[in-house]
N, C-alpha and C. Protein backbone atom coordinates (compact mmCIF):
# COMPACT_ATOMS: atom_id res chain seq x y z
N MET A 1 0.85 -1.18 0.00
CA MET A 1 0.00 0.00 0.00
C MET A 1 0.89 1.23 0.00
N THR A 2 0.35 2.28 -0.61
CA THR A 2 1.18 3.48 -0.76
C THR A 2 0.63 4.71 -0.06
N GLY A 3 -0.51 4.61 0.60
CA GLY A 3 -1.05 5.78 1.27
C GLY A 3 -2.54 5.67 1.50
N ALA A 4 -3.11 6.75 1.94
CA ALA A 4 -4.54 6.81 2.22
C ALA A 4 -5.08 8.16 1.76
N LEU A 5 -6.36 8.21 1.51
CA LEU A 5 -7.08 9.43 1.15
C LEU A 5 -8.32 9.49 2.01
N ILE A 6 -8.83 10.68 2.21
CA ILE A 6 -10.10 10.87 2.90
C ILE A 6 -11.09 11.39 1.86
N ASN A 7 -12.26 10.76 1.77
CA ASN A 7 -13.33 11.22 0.90
C ASN A 7 -14.56 11.48 1.75
N ILE A 8 -15.14 12.66 1.60
CA ILE A 8 -16.30 13.04 2.40
C ILE A 8 -17.40 13.51 1.46
N ASP A 9 -18.52 12.79 1.47
CA ASP A 9 -19.70 13.22 0.70
C ASP A 9 -20.36 14.38 1.42
N VAL A 10 -20.74 15.39 0.66
CA VAL A 10 -21.42 16.57 1.20
C VAL A 10 -22.53 16.99 0.25
N SER A 11 -23.49 17.72 0.76
CA SER A 11 -24.59 18.17 -0.08
C SER A 11 -24.32 19.53 -0.72
N ASP A 12 -23.37 20.29 -0.18
CA ASP A 12 -23.07 21.64 -0.68
C ASP A 12 -21.56 21.84 -0.66
N ILE A 13 -20.93 21.79 -1.82
CA ILE A 13 -19.48 21.85 -1.91
C ILE A 13 -18.91 23.18 -1.42
N LYS A 14 -19.58 24.28 -1.69
CA LYS A 14 -19.08 25.59 -1.24
C LYS A 14 -19.14 25.68 0.28
N GLN A 15 -20.25 25.29 0.87
CA GLN A 15 -20.39 25.32 2.33
C GLN A 15 -19.38 24.38 2.98
N ALA A 16 -19.21 23.19 2.42
CA ALA A 16 -18.27 22.22 2.98
C ALA A 16 -16.83 22.70 2.88
N THR A 17 -16.47 23.28 1.75
CA THR A 17 -15.11 23.81 1.59
C THR A 17 -14.84 24.89 2.62
N ALA A 18 -15.78 25.79 2.79
CA ALA A 18 -15.61 26.86 3.79
C ALA A 18 -15.50 26.27 5.19
N PHE A 19 -16.35 25.31 5.52
CA PHE A 19 -16.34 24.70 6.85
C PHE A 19 -15.00 24.03 7.13
N TYR A 20 -14.56 23.14 6.27
CA TYR A 20 -13.33 22.38 6.52
C TYR A 20 -12.08 23.26 6.50
N CYS A 21 -12.07 24.28 5.66
CA CYS A 21 -10.92 25.19 5.64
C CYS A 21 -10.90 26.05 6.90
N GLU A 22 -12.04 26.59 7.29
CA GLU A 22 -12.11 27.45 8.47
C GLU A 22 -11.85 26.69 9.76
N VAL A 23 -12.48 25.56 9.93
CA VAL A 23 -12.38 24.83 11.19
C VAL A 23 -11.03 24.14 11.36
N PHE A 24 -10.54 23.49 10.31
CA PHE A 24 -9.34 22.67 10.44
C PHE A 24 -8.10 23.30 9.81
N GLY A 25 -8.22 24.50 9.28
CA GLY A 25 -7.07 25.16 8.69
C GLY A 25 -6.59 24.52 7.39
N LEU A 26 -7.48 23.81 6.71
CA LEU A 26 -7.11 23.19 5.44
C LEU A 26 -7.11 24.24 4.34
N ARG A 27 -6.50 23.90 3.22
CA ARG A 27 -6.47 24.81 2.08
C ARG A 27 -6.86 24.03 0.82
N VAL A 28 -7.45 24.74 -0.12
CA VAL A 28 -7.87 24.11 -1.37
C VAL A 28 -6.64 23.77 -2.19
N GLY A 29 -6.58 22.52 -2.63
CA GLY A 29 -5.54 22.09 -3.56
C GLY A 29 -6.06 22.26 -4.97
N ARG A 30 -6.64 21.22 -5.51
CA ARG A 30 -7.19 21.27 -6.86
C ARG A 30 -8.71 21.25 -6.81
N ARG A 31 -9.30 21.90 -7.81
CA ARG A 31 -10.74 21.83 -8.04
C ARG A 31 -10.91 21.06 -9.33
N PHE A 32 -11.52 19.89 -9.25
CA PHE A 32 -11.64 19.04 -10.42
C PHE A 32 -12.86 19.41 -11.26
N ASP A 33 -13.89 19.88 -10.61
CA ASP A 33 -15.07 20.44 -11.25
C ASP A 33 -15.87 21.13 -10.16
N GLN A 34 -17.08 21.48 -10.42
CA GLN A 34 -17.89 22.21 -9.44
C GLN A 34 -18.33 21.34 -8.27
N GLU A 35 -18.10 20.02 -8.35
CA GLU A 35 -18.59 19.11 -7.31
C GLU A 35 -17.50 18.23 -6.72
N PHE A 36 -16.22 18.61 -6.89
CA PHE A 36 -15.12 17.75 -6.46
C PHE A 36 -13.92 18.63 -6.13
N VAL A 37 -13.59 18.74 -4.84
CA VAL A 37 -12.53 19.64 -4.38
C VAL A 37 -11.54 18.88 -3.51
N GLU A 38 -10.27 19.13 -3.74
CA GLU A 38 -9.19 18.56 -2.93
C GLU A 38 -8.79 19.56 -1.85
N LEU A 39 -8.72 19.09 -0.60
CA LEU A 39 -8.25 19.92 0.50
C LEU A 39 -6.95 19.34 1.02
N LEU A 40 -6.02 20.21 1.36
CA LEU A 40 -4.70 19.80 1.84
C LEU A 40 -4.46 20.34 3.23
N GLY A 41 -3.65 19.63 4.00
CA GLY A 41 -3.28 20.10 5.32
C GLY A 41 -3.44 19.05 6.41
N PHE A 42 -4.10 17.93 6.13
CA PHE A 42 -4.26 16.86 7.12
C PHE A 42 -3.07 15.91 7.13
N GLY A 43 -2.19 16.01 6.16
CA GLY A 43 -1.12 15.03 6.01
C GLY A 43 -1.46 13.99 4.95
N VAL A 44 -2.74 13.85 4.66
CA VAL A 44 -3.23 13.06 3.53
C VAL A 44 -4.28 13.91 2.83
N PRO A 45 -4.42 13.77 1.51
CA PRO A 45 -5.43 14.58 0.82
C PRO A 45 -6.84 14.24 1.31
N CYS A 46 -7.67 15.26 1.36
CA CYS A 46 -9.07 15.12 1.74
C CYS A 46 -9.91 15.64 0.58
N TYR A 47 -10.79 14.80 0.08
CA TYR A 47 -11.60 15.17 -1.07
C TYR A 47 -13.06 15.34 -0.64
N LEU A 48 -13.61 16.48 -0.98
CA LEU A 48 -15.03 16.74 -0.77
C LEU A 48 -15.75 16.42 -2.06
N LEU A 49 -16.78 15.60 -1.98
CA LEU A 49 -17.53 15.15 -3.14
C LEU A 49 -18.99 15.54 -2.96
N GLN A 50 -19.46 16.43 -3.81
CA GLN A 50 -20.85 16.84 -3.69
C GLN A 50 -21.74 15.75 -4.26
N LYS A 51 -22.63 15.25 -3.41
CA LYS A 51 -23.60 14.22 -3.78
C LYS A 51 -24.97 14.67 -3.30
N LYS A 52 -25.95 14.63 -4.16
CA LYS A 52 -27.28 15.10 -3.81
C LYS A 52 -27.94 14.20 -2.78
N PRO A 53 -28.66 14.80 -1.83
CA PRO A 53 -29.45 13.98 -0.90
C PRO A 53 -30.44 13.13 -1.70
N GLY A 54 -30.66 11.90 -1.23
CA GLY A 54 -31.61 11.02 -1.88
C GLY A 54 -31.00 10.13 -2.95
N THR A 55 -29.74 10.39 -3.35
CA THR A 55 -29.10 9.53 -4.34
C THR A 55 -28.57 8.27 -3.67
N ALA A 56 -28.44 7.21 -4.45
CA ALA A 56 -27.96 5.92 -3.92
C ALA A 56 -26.53 6.07 -3.41
N SER A 57 -26.28 5.51 -2.24
CA SER A 57 -24.94 5.60 -1.66
C SER A 57 -23.98 4.59 -2.29
N ILE A 58 -24.50 3.49 -2.82
CA ILE A 58 -23.71 2.54 -3.60
C ILE A 58 -24.55 2.10 -4.79
N PRO A 59 -23.91 1.78 -5.91
CA PRO A 59 -24.68 1.37 -7.09
C PRO A 59 -25.59 0.19 -6.78
N GLY A 60 -26.84 0.32 -7.11
CA GLY A 60 -27.80 -0.75 -6.89
C GLY A 60 -28.26 -0.92 -5.45
N GLY A 61 -27.74 -0.08 -4.56
CA GLY A 61 -28.09 -0.20 -3.15
C GLY A 61 -29.43 0.43 -2.83
N SER A 62 -30.00 0.01 -1.72
CA SER A 62 -31.29 0.56 -1.32
C SER A 62 -31.13 1.76 -0.38
N HIS A 63 -29.95 1.95 0.19
CA HIS A 63 -29.73 3.07 1.10
C HIS A 63 -29.43 4.33 0.29
N THR A 64 -30.10 5.40 0.64
CA THR A 64 -29.85 6.67 -0.05
C THR A 64 -29.20 7.66 0.91
N ARG A 65 -28.49 8.61 0.33
CA ARG A 65 -27.79 9.62 1.12
C ARG A 65 -28.77 10.57 1.79
N ASP A 66 -28.46 10.87 3.03
CA ASP A 66 -29.10 12.01 3.69
C ASP A 66 -28.01 12.65 4.52
N TYR A 67 -28.22 13.86 4.88
CA TYR A 67 -27.18 14.60 5.58
C TYR A 67 -27.64 15.04 6.96
N VAL A 68 -28.50 14.23 7.57
CA VAL A 68 -28.81 14.41 8.98
C VAL A 68 -27.75 13.63 9.75
N ARG A 69 -27.65 13.83 11.03
CA ARG A 69 -26.62 13.15 11.82
C ARG A 69 -26.78 11.65 11.67
N HIS A 70 -25.71 10.99 11.32
CA HIS A 70 -25.71 9.55 11.14
C HIS A 70 -24.49 8.96 11.84
N TRP A 71 -24.50 7.67 12.03
CA TRP A 71 -23.39 7.00 12.68
C TRP A 71 -22.68 6.12 11.67
N THR A 72 -21.37 6.13 11.75
CA THR A 72 -20.55 5.22 10.96
C THR A 72 -19.36 4.84 11.83
N PRO A 73 -18.83 3.64 11.65
CA PRO A 73 -17.70 3.25 12.48
C PRO A 73 -16.39 3.96 12.09
N VAL A 74 -16.39 4.70 11.01
CA VAL A 74 -15.21 5.45 10.59
C VAL A 74 -15.49 6.94 10.76
N HIS A 75 -14.61 7.64 11.43
CA HIS A 75 -14.77 9.07 11.59
C HIS A 75 -13.40 9.73 11.68
N LEU A 76 -13.36 11.03 11.61
CA LEU A 76 -12.11 11.78 11.72
C LEU A 76 -11.82 12.11 13.18
N ASP A 77 -10.58 11.92 13.60
CA ASP A 77 -10.06 12.48 14.84
C ASP A 77 -9.06 13.54 14.40
N VAL A 78 -9.31 14.77 14.78
CA VAL A 78 -8.44 15.87 14.37
C VAL A 78 -7.68 16.37 15.58
N VAL A 79 -6.36 16.32 15.49
CA VAL A 79 -5.49 16.71 16.60
C VAL A 79 -5.26 18.22 16.53
N THR A 80 -5.38 18.85 17.68
CA THR A 80 -5.19 20.29 17.78
C THR A 80 -4.31 20.61 18.99
N GLU A 81 -3.65 21.74 18.95
CA GLU A 81 -2.85 22.18 20.10
C GLU A 81 -3.68 23.00 21.08
N ASP A 82 -4.86 23.46 20.64
CA ASP A 82 -5.72 24.28 21.50
C ASP A 82 -7.17 23.86 21.27
N ILE A 83 -7.62 22.90 22.06
CA ILE A 83 -8.95 22.32 21.84
C ILE A 83 -10.06 23.35 22.04
N GLN A 84 -9.90 24.24 22.98
CA GLN A 84 -10.95 25.24 23.23
C GLN A 84 -11.12 26.15 22.02
N ALA A 85 -10.03 26.62 21.43
CA ALA A 85 -10.10 27.49 20.25
C ALA A 85 -10.68 26.72 19.06
N ALA A 86 -10.24 25.47 18.86
CA ALA A 86 -10.74 24.65 17.76
C ALA A 86 -12.23 24.37 17.94
N TYR A 87 -12.65 24.11 19.16
CA TYR A 87 -14.06 23.86 19.49
C TYR A 87 -14.90 25.09 19.14
N GLN A 88 -14.46 26.25 19.52
CA GLN A 88 -15.20 27.48 19.23
C GLN A 88 -15.26 27.75 17.73
N ARG A 89 -14.15 27.53 17.01
CA ARG A 89 -14.14 27.70 15.54
C ARG A 89 -15.16 26.77 14.91
N ALA A 90 -15.18 25.52 15.36
CA ALA A 90 -16.11 24.54 14.80
C ALA A 90 -17.56 24.94 15.04
N LEU A 91 -17.88 25.35 16.26
CA LEU A 91 -19.25 25.78 16.57
C LEU A 91 -19.65 26.98 15.72
N THR A 92 -18.77 27.95 15.61
CA THR A 92 -19.05 29.16 14.83
C THR A 92 -19.28 28.83 13.36
N ALA A 93 -18.58 27.82 12.86
CA ALA A 93 -18.70 27.43 11.45
C ALA A 93 -19.88 26.51 11.19
N GLY A 94 -20.62 26.10 12.22
CA GLY A 94 -21.82 25.30 12.01
C GLY A 94 -21.76 23.87 12.52
N ALA A 95 -20.68 23.49 13.21
CA ALA A 95 -20.61 22.15 13.78
C ALA A 95 -21.54 22.05 14.98
N ARG A 96 -21.89 20.83 15.34
CA ARG A 96 -22.69 20.58 16.54
C ARG A 96 -21.82 19.88 17.57
N SER A 97 -21.95 20.31 18.80
CA SER A 97 -21.24 19.66 19.89
C SER A 97 -22.07 18.48 20.36
N GLU A 98 -21.41 17.34 20.56
CA GLU A 98 -22.10 16.14 21.02
C GLU A 98 -21.60 15.70 22.39
N SER A 99 -20.70 16.48 22.97
CA SER A 99 -20.22 16.22 24.32
C SER A 99 -19.57 17.49 24.84
N GLU A 100 -19.29 17.49 26.11
CA GLU A 100 -18.46 18.54 26.68
C GLU A 100 -17.01 18.19 26.36
N ILE A 101 -16.11 19.15 26.50
CA ILE A 101 -14.70 18.83 26.40
C ILE A 101 -14.34 18.02 27.63
N LYS A 102 -13.85 16.81 27.41
CA LYS A 102 -13.55 15.89 28.50
C LYS A 102 -12.03 15.77 28.68
N THR A 103 -11.60 15.62 29.92
CA THR A 103 -10.21 15.31 30.20
C THR A 103 -10.08 13.80 30.27
N THR A 104 -9.12 13.26 29.54
CA THR A 104 -8.87 11.82 29.47
C THR A 104 -7.42 11.58 29.92
N PRO A 105 -7.03 10.33 30.12
CA PRO A 105 -5.64 10.07 30.49
C PRO A 105 -4.63 10.56 29.44
N TYR A 106 -5.06 10.65 28.17
CA TYR A 106 -4.16 11.04 27.09
C TYR A 106 -4.27 12.51 26.69
N GLY A 107 -5.21 13.25 27.26
CA GLY A 107 -5.38 14.67 26.93
C GLY A 107 -6.82 15.10 27.05
N LYS A 108 -7.27 15.91 26.10
CA LYS A 108 -8.65 16.39 26.08
C LYS A 108 -9.31 15.95 24.79
N LEU A 109 -10.65 15.75 24.87
CA LEU A 109 -11.41 15.21 23.75
C LEU A 109 -12.80 15.82 23.75
N VAL A 110 -13.31 16.13 22.56
CA VAL A 110 -14.70 16.54 22.41
C VAL A 110 -15.26 15.89 21.15
N LEU A 111 -16.49 15.40 21.24
CA LEU A 111 -17.19 14.77 20.12
C LEU A 111 -18.08 15.80 19.46
N MET A 112 -18.04 15.83 18.11
CA MET A 112 -18.79 16.83 17.36
C MET A 112 -19.31 16.21 16.07
N SER A 113 -20.12 16.96 15.33
CA SER A 113 -20.50 16.57 13.98
C SER A 113 -20.49 17.81 13.09
N ASP A 114 -20.18 17.58 11.82
CA ASP A 114 -20.14 18.68 10.87
C ASP A 114 -21.56 19.00 10.37
N PRO A 115 -21.73 20.05 9.57
CA PRO A 115 -23.08 20.40 9.09
C PRO A 115 -23.72 19.35 8.18
N PHE A 116 -22.96 18.32 7.80
CA PHE A 116 -23.45 17.30 6.88
C PHE A 116 -23.72 15.97 7.58
N GLY A 117 -23.67 15.97 8.91
CA GLY A 117 -24.00 14.79 9.69
C GLY A 117 -22.84 13.87 10.00
N HIS A 118 -21.64 14.22 9.57
CA HIS A 118 -20.47 13.37 9.80
C HIS A 118 -19.87 13.65 11.18
N GLY A 119 -19.66 12.61 11.96
CA GLY A 119 -19.04 12.76 13.26
C GLY A 119 -17.55 12.98 13.16
N PHE A 120 -17.00 13.74 14.09
CA PHE A 120 -15.56 13.91 14.22
C PHE A 120 -15.24 14.24 15.66
N CYS A 121 -13.99 14.02 16.04
CA CYS A 121 -13.53 14.35 17.38
C CYS A 121 -12.38 15.33 17.27
N LEU A 122 -12.31 16.23 18.20
CA LEU A 122 -11.13 17.08 18.37
C LEU A 122 -10.36 16.51 19.55
N ILE A 123 -9.05 16.39 19.39
CA ILE A 123 -8.19 15.85 20.45
C ILE A 123 -7.02 16.79 20.68
N GLU A 124 -6.78 17.10 21.93
CA GLU A 124 -5.57 17.83 22.34
C GLU A 124 -4.79 16.86 23.22
N PHE A 125 -3.71 16.30 22.68
CA PHE A 125 -2.92 15.34 23.43
C PHE A 125 -2.11 16.02 24.52
N ASN A 126 -1.94 15.32 25.65
CA ASN A 126 -0.99 15.77 26.67
C ASN A 126 0.37 15.19 26.32
N GLU A 127 1.35 15.34 27.20
CA GLU A 127 2.72 14.89 26.89
C GLU A 127 2.83 13.38 26.68
N LYS A 128 1.95 12.59 27.28
CA LYS A 128 2.00 11.13 27.10
C LYS A 128 1.21 10.65 25.89
N GLY A 129 0.17 11.39 25.49
CA GLY A 129 -0.66 10.94 24.38
C GLY A 129 -1.26 9.58 24.66
N TYR A 130 -1.45 8.79 23.61
CA TYR A 130 -2.07 7.47 23.78
C TYR A 130 -1.21 6.52 24.61
N ASP A 131 0.09 6.81 24.77
CA ASP A 131 0.91 5.97 25.63
C ASP A 131 0.38 5.94 27.06
N ALA A 132 -0.38 6.95 27.45
CA ALA A 132 -0.98 6.97 28.79
C ALA A 132 -1.94 5.79 29.00
N LEU A 133 -2.40 5.17 27.94
CA LEU A 133 -3.32 4.04 28.02
C LEU A 133 -2.59 2.71 28.21
N ILE A 134 -1.26 2.72 28.09
CA ILE A 134 -0.48 1.49 28.22
C ILE A 134 0.16 1.47 29.60
N PRO A 135 -0.15 0.45 30.41
CA PRO A 135 0.46 0.38 31.75
C PRO A 135 1.99 0.38 31.66
N ASN A 136 2.61 1.18 32.51
CA ASN A 136 4.07 1.27 32.62
C ASN A 136 4.74 1.74 31.34
N ALA A 137 4.03 2.47 30.48
CA ALA A 137 4.64 2.96 29.25
C ALA A 137 5.61 4.10 29.58
N THR A 138 6.67 4.14 28.85
CA THR A 138 7.62 5.26 28.96
C THR A 138 7.74 5.92 27.60
N ILE A 139 8.02 7.18 27.67
CA ILE A 139 8.14 7.93 26.40
C ILE A 139 9.60 8.09 26.07
């Protein structure tokens, strides 16, 4: 394998581009057409794909797209150095908070969703990070 990409279906490409650039500090790479935009800054390319609500999510499938809050086992965890500032930026840009900012053994965490129903977490790691979850871990 040579890498990974992030693809996010959205109902409004302009709104989604503004949201992801404002909240996460991403920048537009290439615009392939009016419904397909590349965002850079996560360390892997992130592609926003405009897909109309009500269209099939897979060819021949019975499930159709909607952009209300939904659950999926795959979501973004976005690491930040200032969770409070990132949280406020996200709320101002239209994200929904789904928890309070919590202190965990590895840092701080808040659960949120974007304006298109996709869940994401903001994480501010402490000096141990996820190693705090391993008994007797040393850095």
